[in-house]
Amino acid sequence: MDQTRKADRYLRVYGQLHKLLSKTADPAARMATICAVLHHKFDYYFWTGFYRLIEGELTVACYQGPVACLVLAAHTGVCWAGIDGRKNVIVEDVNKFPEHIACDSRSVSEIVIPVYDATGEITAVFDVDSRELAAFDETDAEWLAKVVELIYRKD
């Protein structure tokens, strides 16, 4: 998908999510809705979900796609790289990522977006896997960061 079409699709989906998420302030309900909408709007998404940071562990929360790892080993893999580095992480080929955690061998590329609460603390990561190499880019990162900001937004 070219960058203009991708950005346009994210813009439309963002508007849809903003309207849907205004119905509740519950972060879990918002996360579930984000997963469902994005997973079905982007055909290159294979696994779409959140891992919550609970007492120092990354535990799977809501998701769409095949069965996930329930708890991710601390400070290992792409999700922890997002938390430890406090940044978005785009991996074109997970087989080249040191200590990648393979929950499903069909996933070959990945993007992780940290989720910050109102105080600036990371509470979760949004993790999307694809069966396509280099499926994610800066357009995905930019829009997914905007989407996850909706989780704790008050308006």
N, C-alpha and C. Protein backbone atom coordinates (compact mmCIF):
# COMPACT_ATOMS: atom_id res chain seq x y z
N MET A 1 0.85 -1.17 0.00
CA MET A 1 0.00 0.00 0.00
C MET A 1 0.90 1.24 0.00
N ASP A 2 0.60 2.20 -0.88
CA ASP A 2 1.45 3.39 -0.91
C ASP A 2 1.17 4.25 0.33
N GLN A 3 2.12 5.13 0.65
CA GLN A 3 2.08 5.89 1.89
C GLN A 3 0.88 6.82 1.99
N THR A 4 0.48 7.42 0.89
CA THR A 4 -0.67 8.32 0.92
C THR A 4 -1.94 7.55 1.22
N ARG A 5 -2.14 6.43 0.56
CA ARG A 5 -3.34 5.61 0.82
C ARG A 5 -3.33 5.09 2.25
N LYS A 6 -2.16 4.66 2.72
CA LYS A 6 -2.07 4.15 4.08
C LYS A 6 -2.41 5.25 5.09
N ALA A 7 -1.84 6.43 4.92
CA ALA A 7 -2.12 7.54 5.83
C ALA A 7 -3.60 7.92 5.79
N ASP A 8 -4.19 7.93 4.60
CA ASP A 8 -5.62 8.23 4.48
C ASP A 8 -6.47 7.21 5.20
N ARG A 9 -6.11 5.94 5.08
CA ARG A 9 -6.87 4.89 5.77
C ARG A 9 -6.74 5.07 7.29
N TYR A 10 -5.52 5.32 7.77
CA TYR A 10 -5.34 5.55 9.20
C TYR A 10 -6.15 6.75 9.68
N LEU A 11 -6.19 7.81 8.89
CA LEU A 11 -6.97 8.99 9.26
C LEU A 11 -8.44 8.64 9.43
N ARG A 12 -8.99 7.88 8.48
CA ARG A 12 -10.40 7.47 8.57
C ARG A 12 -10.63 6.57 9.79
N VAL A 13 -9.73 5.60 10.00
CA VAL A 13 -9.88 4.67 11.12
C VAL A 13 -9.73 5.41 12.45
N TYR A 14 -8.81 6.36 12.50
CA TYR A 14 -8.63 7.15 13.72
C TYR A 14 -9.93 7.88 14.08
N GLY A 15 -10.56 8.49 13.10
CA GLY A 15 -11.84 9.16 13.34
C GLY A 15 -12.91 8.21 13.84
N GLN A 16 -12.95 7.03 13.24
CA GLN A 16 -13.91 6.02 13.67
C GLN A 16 -13.63 5.59 15.11
N LEU A 17 -12.37 5.35 15.42
CA LEU A 17 -12.01 4.94 16.79
C LEU A 17 -12.31 6.05 17.80
N HIS A 18 -12.00 7.28 17.45
CA HIS A 18 -12.25 8.39 18.37
C HIS A 18 -13.73 8.43 18.75
N LYS A 19 -14.58 8.25 17.78
CA LYS A 19 -16.03 8.26 18.04
C LYS A 19 -16.45 7.05 18.88
N LEU A 20 -15.97 5.87 18.53
CA LEU A 20 -16.32 4.65 19.27
C LEU A 20 -15.84 4.71 20.72
N LEU A 21 -14.60 5.16 20.91
CA LEU A 21 -14.01 5.15 22.25
C LEU A 21 -14.60 6.19 23.17
N SER A 22 -15.30 7.17 22.62
CA SER A 22 -15.93 8.20 23.46
C SER A 22 -17.08 7.63 24.29
N LYS A 23 -17.50 6.42 23.99
CA LYS A 23 -18.63 5.80 24.70
C LYS A 23 -18.25 5.31 26.10
N THR A 24 -16.92 5.14 26.36
CA THR A 24 -16.47 4.68 27.67
C THR A 24 -15.07 5.21 27.94
N ALA A 25 -14.75 5.37 29.22
CA ALA A 25 -13.41 5.77 29.62
C ALA A 25 -12.59 4.56 30.07
N ASP A 26 -13.18 3.37 30.04
CA ASP A 26 -12.50 2.18 30.52
C ASP A 26 -11.35 1.80 29.58
N PRO A 27 -10.11 1.79 30.07
CA PRO A 27 -8.97 1.47 29.21
C PRO A 27 -9.04 0.08 28.58
N ALA A 28 -9.53 -0.91 29.31
CA ALA A 28 -9.62 -2.28 28.76
C ALA A 28 -10.60 -2.34 27.60
N ALA A 29 -11.73 -1.68 27.74
CA ALA A 29 -12.72 -1.65 26.65
C ALA A 29 -12.16 -0.91 25.44
N ARG A 30 -11.45 0.16 25.70
CA ARG A 30 -10.85 0.92 24.60
C ARG A 30 -9.79 0.09 23.88
N MET A 31 -8.96 -0.63 24.64
CA MET A 31 -7.94 -1.48 24.03
C MET A 31 -8.58 -2.57 23.18
N ALA A 32 -9.62 -3.18 23.68
CA ALA A 32 -10.30 -4.25 22.93
C ALA A 32 -10.87 -3.72 21.62
N THR A 33 -11.46 -2.54 21.66
CA THR A 33 -12.04 -1.95 20.47
C THR A 33 -10.95 -1.59 19.46
N ILE A 34 -9.85 -1.03 19.93
CA ILE A 34 -8.72 -0.70 19.05
C ILE A 34 -8.23 -1.95 18.34
N CYS A 35 -8.05 -3.04 19.09
CA CYS A 35 -7.59 -4.30 18.48
C CYS A 35 -8.54 -4.77 17.39
N ALA A 36 -9.81 -4.81 17.72
CA ALA A 36 -10.79 -5.34 16.78
C ALA A 36 -10.86 -4.50 15.51
N VAL A 37 -10.92 -3.20 15.66
CA VAL A 37 -11.06 -2.33 14.49
C VAL A 37 -9.81 -2.41 13.61
N LEU A 38 -8.64 -2.20 14.20
CA LEU A 38 -7.41 -2.19 13.40
C LEU A 38 -7.14 -3.54 12.74
N HIS A 39 -7.37 -4.61 13.48
CA HIS A 39 -7.09 -5.95 12.93
C HIS A 39 -7.91 -6.23 11.66
N HIS A 40 -9.11 -5.70 11.62
CA HIS A 40 -9.98 -5.98 10.49
C HIS A 40 -9.92 -4.90 9.39
N LYS A 41 -9.25 -3.80 9.66
CA LYS A 41 -9.13 -2.73 8.66
C LYS A 41 -7.84 -2.82 7.85
N PHE A 42 -6.83 -3.54 8.37
CA PHE A 42 -5.53 -3.59 7.69
C PHE A 42 -5.19 -5.05 7.40
N ASP A 43 -5.17 -5.40 6.12
CA ASP A 43 -5.00 -6.81 5.75
C ASP A 43 -3.61 -7.37 6.04
N TYR A 44 -2.63 -6.52 6.28
CA TYR A 44 -1.29 -7.02 6.60
C TYR A 44 -1.09 -7.25 8.09
N TYR A 45 -2.08 -6.96 8.91
CA TYR A 45 -2.02 -7.26 10.35
C TYR A 45 -2.35 -8.74 10.54
N PHE A 46 -1.46 -9.46 11.19
CA PHE A 46 -1.67 -10.89 11.45
C PHE A 46 -2.05 -11.12 12.91
N TRP A 47 -1.35 -10.49 13.82
CA TRP A 47 -1.67 -10.53 15.25
C TRP A 47 -1.67 -9.10 15.75
N THR A 48 -2.73 -8.73 16.46
CA THR A 48 -2.93 -7.35 16.88
C THR A 48 -3.35 -7.36 18.33
N GLY A 49 -2.52 -6.80 19.22
CA GLY A 49 -2.94 -6.84 20.62
C GLY A 49 -2.10 -6.02 21.56
N PHE A 50 -2.51 -6.10 22.80
CA PHE A 50 -1.83 -5.37 23.88
C PHE A 50 -1.22 -6.35 24.87
N TYR A 51 -0.05 -5.99 25.34
CA TYR A 51 0.56 -6.63 26.50
C TYR A 51 0.59 -5.58 27.59
N ARG A 52 0.00 -5.91 28.74
CA ARG A 52 -0.04 -4.98 29.87
C ARG A 52 1.15 -5.21 30.78
N LEU A 53 1.69 -4.13 31.30
CA LEU A 53 2.79 -4.19 32.26
C LEU A 53 2.18 -4.27 33.65
N ILE A 54 2.25 -5.45 34.26
CA ILE A 54 1.64 -5.70 35.56
C ILE A 54 2.71 -6.24 36.50
N GLU A 55 3.02 -5.44 37.53
CA GLU A 55 4.01 -5.84 38.53
C GLU A 55 5.30 -6.35 37.88
N GLY A 56 5.78 -5.62 36.90
CA GLY A 56 7.04 -5.94 36.26
C GLY A 56 6.99 -7.03 35.21
N GLU A 57 5.80 -7.55 34.92
CA GLU A 57 5.66 -8.58 33.88
C GLU A 57 4.80 -8.05 32.74
N LEU A 58 5.14 -8.49 31.53
CA LEU A 58 4.30 -8.18 30.36
C LEU A 58 3.37 -9.35 30.13
N THR A 59 2.09 -9.10 30.37
CA THR A 59 1.06 -10.13 30.29
C THR A 59 0.09 -9.79 29.17
N VAL A 60 -0.24 -10.78 28.36
CA VAL A 60 -1.14 -10.54 27.24
C VAL A 60 -2.50 -10.06 27.76
N ALA A 61 -3.07 -9.14 27.01
CA ALA A 61 -4.41 -8.63 27.33
C ALA A 61 -5.28 -8.93 26.11
N CYS A 62 -6.08 -7.99 25.70
CA CYS A 62 -6.96 -8.23 24.54
C CYS A 62 -6.13 -8.31 23.27
N TYR A 63 -6.60 -9.16 22.36
CA TYR A 63 -5.92 -9.27 21.06
C TYR A 63 -6.83 -9.93 20.05
N GLN A 64 -6.41 -9.83 18.78
CA GLN A 64 -7.06 -10.49 17.65
C GLN A 64 -5.98 -11.29 16.94
N GLY A 65 -6.29 -12.52 16.57
CA GLY A 65 -5.32 -13.35 15.88
C GLY A 65 -5.10 -14.65 16.61
N PRO A 66 -4.05 -15.40 16.22
CA PRO A 66 -3.80 -16.70 16.84
C PRO A 66 -3.38 -16.55 18.31
N VAL A 67 -3.39 -17.67 19.01
CA VAL A 67 -3.03 -17.69 20.43
C VAL A 67 -1.67 -17.04 20.64
N ALA A 68 -1.57 -16.27 21.71
CA ALA A 68 -0.36 -15.50 22.00
C ALA A 68 0.40 -16.09 23.17
N CYS A 69 1.65 -15.66 23.32
CA CYS A 69 2.41 -15.94 24.54
C CYS A 69 1.68 -15.22 25.67
N LEU A 70 1.52 -15.89 26.80
CA LEU A 70 0.79 -15.28 27.91
C LEU A 70 1.61 -14.26 28.65
N VAL A 71 2.88 -14.58 28.92
CA VAL A 71 3.79 -13.67 29.62
C VAL A 71 5.10 -13.65 28.84
N LEU A 72 5.63 -12.45 28.59
CA LEU A 72 6.88 -12.32 27.84
C LEU A 72 8.06 -12.21 28.81
N ALA A 73 9.11 -12.94 28.54
CA ALA A 73 10.30 -12.91 29.38
C ALA A 73 10.79 -11.47 29.53
N ALA A 74 11.13 -11.11 30.76
CA ALA A 74 11.52 -9.74 31.08
C ALA A 74 12.73 -9.28 30.27
N HIS A 75 12.62 -8.06 29.75
CA HIS A 75 13.72 -7.37 29.07
C HIS A 75 14.28 -8.16 27.89
N THR A 76 13.38 -8.89 27.21
CA THR A 76 13.73 -9.69 26.05
C THR A 76 12.71 -9.42 24.96
N GLY A 77 13.14 -9.38 23.73
CA GLY A 77 12.21 -9.27 22.61
C GLY A 77 11.80 -7.85 22.28
N VAL A 78 10.93 -7.74 21.28
CA VAL A 78 10.54 -6.46 20.72
C VAL A 78 9.67 -5.66 21.69
N CYS A 79 8.74 -6.30 22.36
CA CYS A 79 7.86 -5.57 23.28
C CYS A 79 8.66 -4.92 24.41
N TRP A 80 9.57 -5.68 24.98
CA TRP A 80 10.41 -5.12 26.04
C TRP A 80 11.34 -4.05 25.51
N ALA A 81 11.79 -4.16 24.26
CA ALA A 81 12.62 -3.10 23.67
C ALA A 81 11.85 -1.79 23.63
N GLY A 82 10.56 -1.86 23.33
CA GLY A 82 9.72 -0.66 23.34
C GLY A 82 9.59 -0.06 24.72
N ILE A 83 9.46 -0.90 25.73
CA ILE A 83 9.35 -0.41 27.11
C ILE A 83 10.69 0.10 27.61
N ASP A 84 11.72 -0.71 27.48
CA ASP A 84 13.03 -0.32 28.00
C ASP A 84 13.58 0.92 27.31
N GLY A 85 13.31 1.07 26.02
CA GLY A 85 13.77 2.23 25.29
C GLY A 85 12.80 3.39 25.28
N ARG A 86 11.59 3.15 25.80
CA ARG A 86 10.51 4.15 25.81
C ARG A 86 10.31 4.74 24.41
N LYS A 87 10.23 3.83 23.41
CA LYS A 87 10.10 4.29 22.03
C LYS A 87 9.37 3.25 21.19
N ASN A 88 8.88 3.70 20.04
CA ASN A 88 8.30 2.79 19.06
C ASN A 88 9.41 1.94 18.48
N VAL A 89 9.10 0.69 18.18
CA VAL A 89 10.09 -0.21 17.59
C VAL A 89 9.47 -0.85 16.35
N ILE A 90 10.16 -0.71 15.23
CA ILE A 90 9.75 -1.34 13.97
C ILE A 90 10.81 -2.37 13.61
N VAL A 91 10.35 -3.61 13.39
CA VAL A 91 11.28 -4.69 13.04
C VAL A 91 10.87 -5.24 11.69
N GLU A 92 11.72 -5.05 10.69
CA GLU A 92 11.42 -5.51 9.33
C GLU A 92 11.46 -7.03 9.22
N ASP A 93 12.37 -7.67 9.97
CA ASP A 93 12.53 -9.12 9.94
C ASP A 93 12.83 -9.59 11.36
N VAL A 94 11.84 -10.21 11.99
CA VAL A 94 12.00 -10.62 13.39
C VAL A 94 13.11 -11.66 13.57
N ASN A 95 13.44 -12.38 12.52
CA ASN A 95 14.50 -13.38 12.62
C ASN A 95 15.87 -12.74 12.79
N LYS A 96 15.97 -11.44 12.52
CA LYS A 96 17.24 -10.72 12.68
C LYS A 96 17.26 -9.89 13.95
N PHE A 97 16.19 -9.98 14.75
CA PHE A 97 16.12 -9.19 15.99
C PHE A 97 16.66 -10.03 17.14
N PRO A 98 17.68 -9.53 17.84
CA PRO A 98 18.27 -10.30 18.95
C PRO A 98 17.22 -10.66 20.01
N GLU A 99 17.21 -11.91 20.42
CA GLU A 99 16.32 -12.42 21.48
C GLU A 99 14.84 -12.21 21.16
N HIS A 100 14.48 -12.26 19.89
CA HIS A 100 13.07 -12.16 19.51
C HIS A 100 12.29 -13.31 20.15
N ILE A 101 11.12 -13.02 20.65
CA ILE A 101 10.24 -14.03 21.23
C ILE A 101 9.23 -14.43 20.16
N ALA A 102 9.30 -15.65 19.71
CA ALA A 102 8.43 -16.12 18.63
C ALA A 102 7.21 -16.83 19.22
N CYS A 103 6.11 -16.10 19.34
CA CYS A 103 4.87 -16.72 19.81
C CYS A 103 4.20 -17.50 18.68
N ASP A 104 4.42 -17.07 17.44
CA ASP A 104 3.90 -17.76 16.26
C ASP A 104 4.93 -17.60 15.16
N SER A 105 5.43 -18.70 14.66
CA SER A 105 6.51 -18.67 13.66
C SER A 105 6.08 -18.05 12.33
N ARG A 106 4.78 -17.86 12.14
CA ARG A 106 4.31 -17.24 10.89
C ARG A 106 4.52 -15.73 10.88
N SER A 107 4.74 -15.14 12.03
CA SER A 107 5.00 -13.70 12.12
C SER A 107 6.43 -13.43 11.69
N VAL A 108 6.61 -12.50 10.74
CA VAL A 108 7.96 -12.21 10.27
C VAL A 108 8.36 -10.74 10.43
N SER A 109 7.41 -9.85 10.65
CA SER A 109 7.75 -8.46 10.96
C SER A 109 6.82 -7.97 12.06
N GLU A 110 7.22 -6.87 12.71
CA GLU A 110 6.50 -6.48 13.92
C GLU A 110 6.68 -4.98 14.18
N ILE A 111 5.69 -4.40 14.84
CA ILE A 111 5.79 -3.03 15.34
C ILE A 111 5.25 -3.01 16.76
N VAL A 112 5.91 -2.26 17.62
CA VAL A 112 5.51 -2.12 19.01
C VAL A 112 5.44 -0.63 19.35
N ILE A 113 4.34 -0.25 19.99
CA ILE A 113 4.10 1.14 20.39
C ILE A 113 3.85 1.15 21.90
N PRO A 114 4.68 1.84 22.69
CA PRO A 114 4.40 1.94 24.13
C PRO A 114 3.10 2.72 24.38
N VAL A 115 2.40 2.34 25.43
CA VAL A 115 1.16 3.01 25.83
C VAL A 115 1.44 3.73 27.15
N TYR A 116 1.25 5.04 27.14
CA TYR A 116 1.49 5.87 28.32
C TYR A 116 0.17 6.30 28.94
N ASP A 117 0.10 6.26 30.28
CA ASP A 117 -1.10 6.76 30.94
C ASP A 117 -0.99 8.28 31.10
N ALA A 118 -1.93 8.88 31.81
CA ALA A 118 -1.98 10.34 31.94
C ALA A 118 -0.78 10.90 32.69
N THR A 119 -0.11 10.07 33.48
CA THR A 119 1.06 10.54 34.23
C THR A 119 2.37 10.32 33.49
N GLY A 120 2.30 9.72 32.30
CA GLY A 120 3.50 9.46 31.53
C GLY A 120 4.15 8.12 31.79
N GLU A 121 3.50 7.30 32.59
CA GLU A 121 4.02 5.96 32.87
C GLU A 121 3.58 4.99 31.78
N ILE A 122 4.46 4.06 31.42
CA ILE A 122 4.09 3.03 30.45
C ILE A 122 3.26 1.97 31.17
N THR A 123 2.07 1.72 30.64
CA THR A 123 1.16 0.73 31.24
C THR A 123 1.04 -0.52 30.38
N ALA A 124 1.43 -0.40 29.10
CA ALA A 124 1.24 -1.50 28.16
C ALA A 124 2.04 -1.21 26.90
N VAL A 125 2.05 -2.18 26.00
CA VAL A 125 2.53 -1.95 24.64
C VAL A 125 1.46 -2.47 23.69
N PHE A 126 1.37 -1.79 22.55
CA PHE A 126 0.52 -2.25 21.47
C PHE A 126 1.45 -2.94 20.50
N ASP A 127 1.15 -4.19 20.18
CA ASP A 127 2.03 -5.05 19.40
C ASP A 127 1.26 -5.54 18.18
N VAL A 128 1.82 -5.34 17.00
CA VAL A 128 1.20 -5.84 15.78
C VAL A 128 2.25 -6.64 15.01
N ASP A 129 1.89 -7.84 14.61
CA ASP A 129 2.75 -8.71 13.81
C ASP A 129 2.16 -8.85 12.42
N SER A 130 3.04 -9.15 11.46
CA SER A 130 2.61 -9.39 10.10
C SER A 130 3.31 -10.63 9.55
N ARG A 131 2.67 -11.27 8.59
CA ARG A 131 3.29 -12.39 7.88
C ARG A 131 4.12 -11.89 6.70
N GLU A 132 4.15 -10.58 6.49
CA GLU A 132 4.91 -9.97 5.40
C GLU A 132 6.18 -9.34 5.96
N LEU A 133 7.30 -9.53 5.29
CA LEU A 133 8.53 -8.85 5.67
C LEU A 133 8.36 -7.34 5.49
N ALA A 134 8.95 -6.58 6.40
CA ALA A 134 8.96 -5.12 6.31
C ALA A 134 7.56 -4.54 6.10
N ALA A 135 6.58 -5.08 6.80
CA ALA A 135 5.20 -4.63 6.63
C ALA A 135 4.94 -3.25 7.23
N PHE A 136 5.74 -2.87 8.23
CA PHE A 136 5.47 -1.65 8.99
C PHE A 136 6.54 -0.59 8.71
N ASP A 137 6.10 0.66 8.80
CA ASP A 137 7.02 1.78 8.55
C ASP A 137 6.64 2.94 9.46
N GLU A 138 7.24 4.09 9.20
CA GLU A 138 7.01 5.27 10.04
C GLU A 138 5.57 5.77 9.97
N THR A 139 4.87 5.53 8.87
CA THR A 139 3.46 5.91 8.79
C THR A 139 2.65 5.11 9.80
N ASP A 140 2.91 3.79 9.86
CA ASP A 140 2.23 2.97 10.87
C ASP A 140 2.57 3.47 12.27
N ALA A 141 3.85 3.71 12.53
CA ALA A 141 4.27 4.14 13.87
C ALA A 141 3.61 5.45 14.27
N GLU A 142 3.59 6.40 13.36
CA GLU A 142 2.99 7.71 13.65
C GLU A 142 1.51 7.57 14.01
N TRP A 143 0.75 6.84 13.18
CA TRP A 143 -0.68 6.72 13.40
C TRP A 143 -1.03 5.81 14.58
N LEU A 144 -0.28 4.74 14.76
CA LEU A 144 -0.56 3.87 15.90
C LEU A 144 -0.26 4.57 17.22
N ALA A 145 0.75 5.42 17.24
CA ALA A 145 1.02 6.20 18.45
C ALA A 145 -0.16 7.13 18.75
N LYS A 146 -0.74 7.73 17.72
CA LYS A 146 -1.92 8.58 17.92
C LYS A 146 -3.10 7.76 18.42
N VAL A 147 -3.27 6.57 17.85
CA VAL A 147 -4.39 5.70 18.25
C VAL A 147 -4.27 5.31 19.71
N VAL A 148 -3.09 4.88 20.16
CA VAL A 148 -2.99 4.42 21.56
C VAL A 148 -3.11 5.58 22.55
N GLU A 149 -2.87 6.81 22.09
CA GLU A 149 -3.10 7.96 22.98
C GLU A 149 -4.59 8.09 23.34
N LEU A 150 -5.46 7.54 22.52
CA LEU A 150 -6.90 7.59 22.79
C LEU A 150 -7.31 6.76 24.01
N ILE A 151 -6.47 5.82 24.41
CA ILE A 151 -6.83 4.91 25.52
C ILE A 151 -7.08 5.68 26.80
N TYR A 152 -6.24 6.67 27.10
CA TYR A 152 -6.37 7.42 28.36
C TYR A 152 -6.87 8.84 28.15
N ARG A 153 -7.28 9.18 26.94
CA ARG A 153 -7.75 10.51 26.65
C ARG A 153 -9.09 10.79 27.33
N LYS A 154 -9.29 12.00 27.78
CA LYS A 154 -10.49 12.36 28.52
C LYS A 154 -11.64 12.86 27.65
N ASP A 155 -11.37 13.28 26.41
CA ASP A 155 -12.47 13.85 25.62
C ASP A 155 -13.19 12.85 24.77
